[in-house]
Each structure stands twice: as structure tokens, then as C-alpha cells.
Amino acid sequence: MPSLCFMKIVGKKATATQVALSVVITTFGVICGILGTYSSVQNIVNSY
């Protein structure tokens, strides 16, 4: 989220490096969130 907020604040003044890094950070965060949710749901299902 912070990288998305940064992009919203900076807008079109951001350099290509800043945009690329923000996209990488956001993508990594989304992937980690999905994997963490999947793992938690799997553990809950296996406990019953």
C-alpha cells in the first residue's frame, strides 16, 4: 500500500525507476498476501 500511495502522491513526476520499483513492490505484496491467505485457509481446513 505505501508504494501505491507514493505513486498517487508523486503522479506523473515519478521517474521510470520509481514506477518500476513501485510495481515490483506492489506485485510482491499481492503475491505474498495470496500465498499467506491460501496457507491459512489450508491449515484451517486440515485442522478439522
N, C-alpha and C. Protein backbone atom coordinates (compact mmCIF):
# COMPACT_ATOMS: atom_id res chain seq x y z
N MET A 1 0.79 -1.19 0.00
CA MET A 1 0.00 0.00 0.00
C MET A 1 0.85 1.27 0.00
N PRO A 2 1.92 1.33 0.77
CA PRO A 2 2.70 2.57 0.76
C PRO A 2 3.24 2.92 -0.63
N SER A 3 3.61 1.91 -1.41
CA SER A 3 4.13 2.22 -2.74
C SER A 3 3.03 2.76 -3.65
N LEU A 4 1.80 2.28 -3.47
CA LEU A 4 0.69 2.81 -4.26
C LEU A 4 0.36 4.24 -3.84
N CYS A 5 0.43 4.51 -2.54
CA CYS A 5 0.20 5.87 -2.05
C CYS A 5 1.28 6.81 -2.58
N PHE A 6 2.51 6.34 -2.60
CA PHE A 6 3.61 7.14 -3.14
C PHE A 6 3.34 7.50 -4.60
N MET A 7 2.89 6.51 -5.37
CA MET A 7 2.61 6.76 -6.78
C MET A 7 1.47 7.74 -6.96
N LYS A 8 0.47 7.65 -6.10
CA LYS A 8 -0.66 8.57 -6.17
C LYS A 8 -0.21 10.00 -5.85
N ILE A 9 0.65 10.15 -4.87
CA ILE A 9 1.13 11.48 -4.47
C ILE A 9 2.05 12.07 -5.53
N VAL A 10 3.01 11.28 -6.00
CA VAL A 10 4.00 11.78 -6.94
C VAL A 10 3.39 11.98 -8.33
N GLY A 11 2.54 11.05 -8.73
CA GLY A 11 1.87 11.17 -10.03
C GLY A 11 2.82 11.08 -11.20
N LYS A 12 2.67 11.98 -12.14
CA LYS A 12 3.45 11.94 -13.38
C LYS A 12 4.88 12.43 -13.21
N LYS A 13 5.23 12.90 -12.03
CA LYS A 13 6.60 13.36 -11.77
C LYS A 13 7.55 12.20 -11.44
N ALA A 14 7.01 11.01 -11.25
CA ALA A 14 7.82 9.86 -10.88
C ALA A 14 8.71 9.44 -12.05
N THR A 15 9.91 9.02 -11.70
CA THR A 15 10.82 8.52 -12.74
C THR A 15 10.43 7.09 -13.11
N ALA A 16 10.99 6.62 -14.20
CA ALA A 16 10.70 5.25 -14.65
C ALA A 16 11.16 4.23 -13.61
N THR A 17 12.28 4.51 -12.96
CA THR A 17 12.78 3.61 -11.92
C THR A 17 11.83 3.55 -10.74
N GLN A 18 11.31 4.68 -10.33
CA GLN A 18 10.37 4.72 -9.21
C GLN A 18 9.09 3.97 -9.55
N VAL A 19 8.61 4.13 -10.77
CA VAL A 19 7.40 3.43 -11.19
C VAL A 19 7.64 1.93 -11.22
N ALA A 20 8.76 1.51 -11.80
CA ALA A 20 9.07 0.09 -11.89
C ALA A 20 9.22 -0.53 -10.51
N LEU A 21 9.92 0.15 -9.63
CA LEU A 21 10.11 -0.38 -8.28
C LEU A 21 8.79 -0.45 -7.52
N SER A 22 7.94 0.53 -7.70
CA SER A 22 6.64 0.51 -7.04
C SER A 22 5.79 -0.64 -7.55
N VAL A 23 5.85 -0.91 -8.84
CA VAL A 23 5.10 -2.03 -9.41
C VAL A 23 5.63 -3.35 -8.86
N VAL A 24 6.94 -3.49 -8.78
CA VAL A 24 7.54 -4.73 -8.25
C VAL A 24 7.14 -4.93 -6.79
N ILE A 25 7.22 -3.89 -5.99
CA ILE A 25 6.87 -3.99 -4.57
C ILE A 25 5.40 -4.34 -4.40
N THR A 26 4.53 -3.70 -5.17
CA THR A 26 3.10 -3.97 -5.08
C THR A 26 2.79 -5.39 -5.51
N THR A 27 3.39 -5.84 -6.60
CA THR A 27 3.17 -7.21 -7.08
C THR A 27 3.64 -8.23 -6.05
N PHE A 28 4.80 -8.00 -5.47
CA PHE A 28 5.33 -8.90 -4.45
C PHE A 28 4.39 -8.96 -3.24
N GLY A 29 3.87 -7.81 -2.84
CA GLY A 29 2.94 -7.76 -1.71
C GLY A 29 1.65 -8.52 -1.99
N VAL A 30 1.13 -8.37 -3.19
CA VAL A 30 -0.11 -9.08 -3.56
C VAL A 30 0.13 -10.59 -3.57
N ILE A 31 1.24 -11.01 -4.15
CA ILE A 31 1.56 -12.45 -4.20
C ILE A 31 1.72 -13.01 -2.79
N CYS A 32 2.42 -12.31 -1.93
CA CYS A 32 2.60 -12.76 -0.54
C CYS A 32 1.26 -12.82 0.19
N GLY A 33 0.40 -11.86 -0.05
CA GLY A 33 -0.92 -11.86 0.57
C GLY A 33 -1.75 -13.05 0.13
N ILE A 34 -1.71 -13.36 -1.15
CA ILE A 34 -2.46 -14.51 -1.68
C ILE A 34 -1.91 -15.80 -1.09
N LEU A 35 -0.59 -15.96 -1.09
CA LEU A 35 0.01 -17.18 -0.55
C LEU A 35 -0.27 -17.33 0.94
N GLY A 36 -0.21 -16.25 1.68
CA GLY A 36 -0.50 -16.30 3.11
C GLY A 36 -1.94 -16.67 3.39
N THR A 37 -2.86 -16.12 2.62
CA THR A 37 -4.27 -16.45 2.78
C THR A 37 -4.52 -17.92 2.44
N TYR A 38 -3.94 -18.39 1.35
CA TYR A 38 -4.09 -19.78 0.95
C TYR A 38 -3.55 -20.72 2.04
N SER A 39 -2.39 -20.40 2.56
CA SER A 39 -1.78 -21.23 3.59
C SER A 39 -2.64 -21.27 4.85
N SER A 40 -3.18 -20.14 5.24
CA SER A 40 -4.02 -20.08 6.44
C SER A 40 -5.30 -20.87 6.26
N VAL A 41 -5.94 -20.72 5.11
CA VAL A 41 -7.17 -21.47 4.84
C VAL A 41 -6.88 -22.96 4.80
N GLN A 42 -5.77 -23.33 4.20
CA GLN A 42 -5.38 -24.74 4.14
C GLN A 42 -5.16 -25.30 5.55
N ASN A 43 -4.52 -24.56 6.42
CA ASN A 43 -4.31 -25.01 7.80
C ASN A 43 -5.62 -25.13 8.56
N ILE A 44 -6.55 -24.21 8.33
CA ILE A 44 -7.85 -24.28 8.99
C ILE A 44 -8.61 -25.51 8.52
N VAL A 45 -8.60 -25.77 7.22
CA VAL A 45 -9.31 -26.94 6.68
C VAL A 45 -8.68 -28.22 7.20
N ASN A 46 -7.37 -28.29 7.27
CA ASN A 46 -6.69 -29.50 7.74
C ASN A 46 -6.88 -29.74 9.23
N SER A 47 -7.21 -28.71 9.99
CA SER A 47 -7.38 -28.90 11.43
C SER A 47 -8.73 -29.54 11.76
N TYR A 48 -9.64 -29.59 10.81
CA TYR A 48 -10.95 -30.21 11.05
C TYR A 48 -11.01 -31.52 10.41
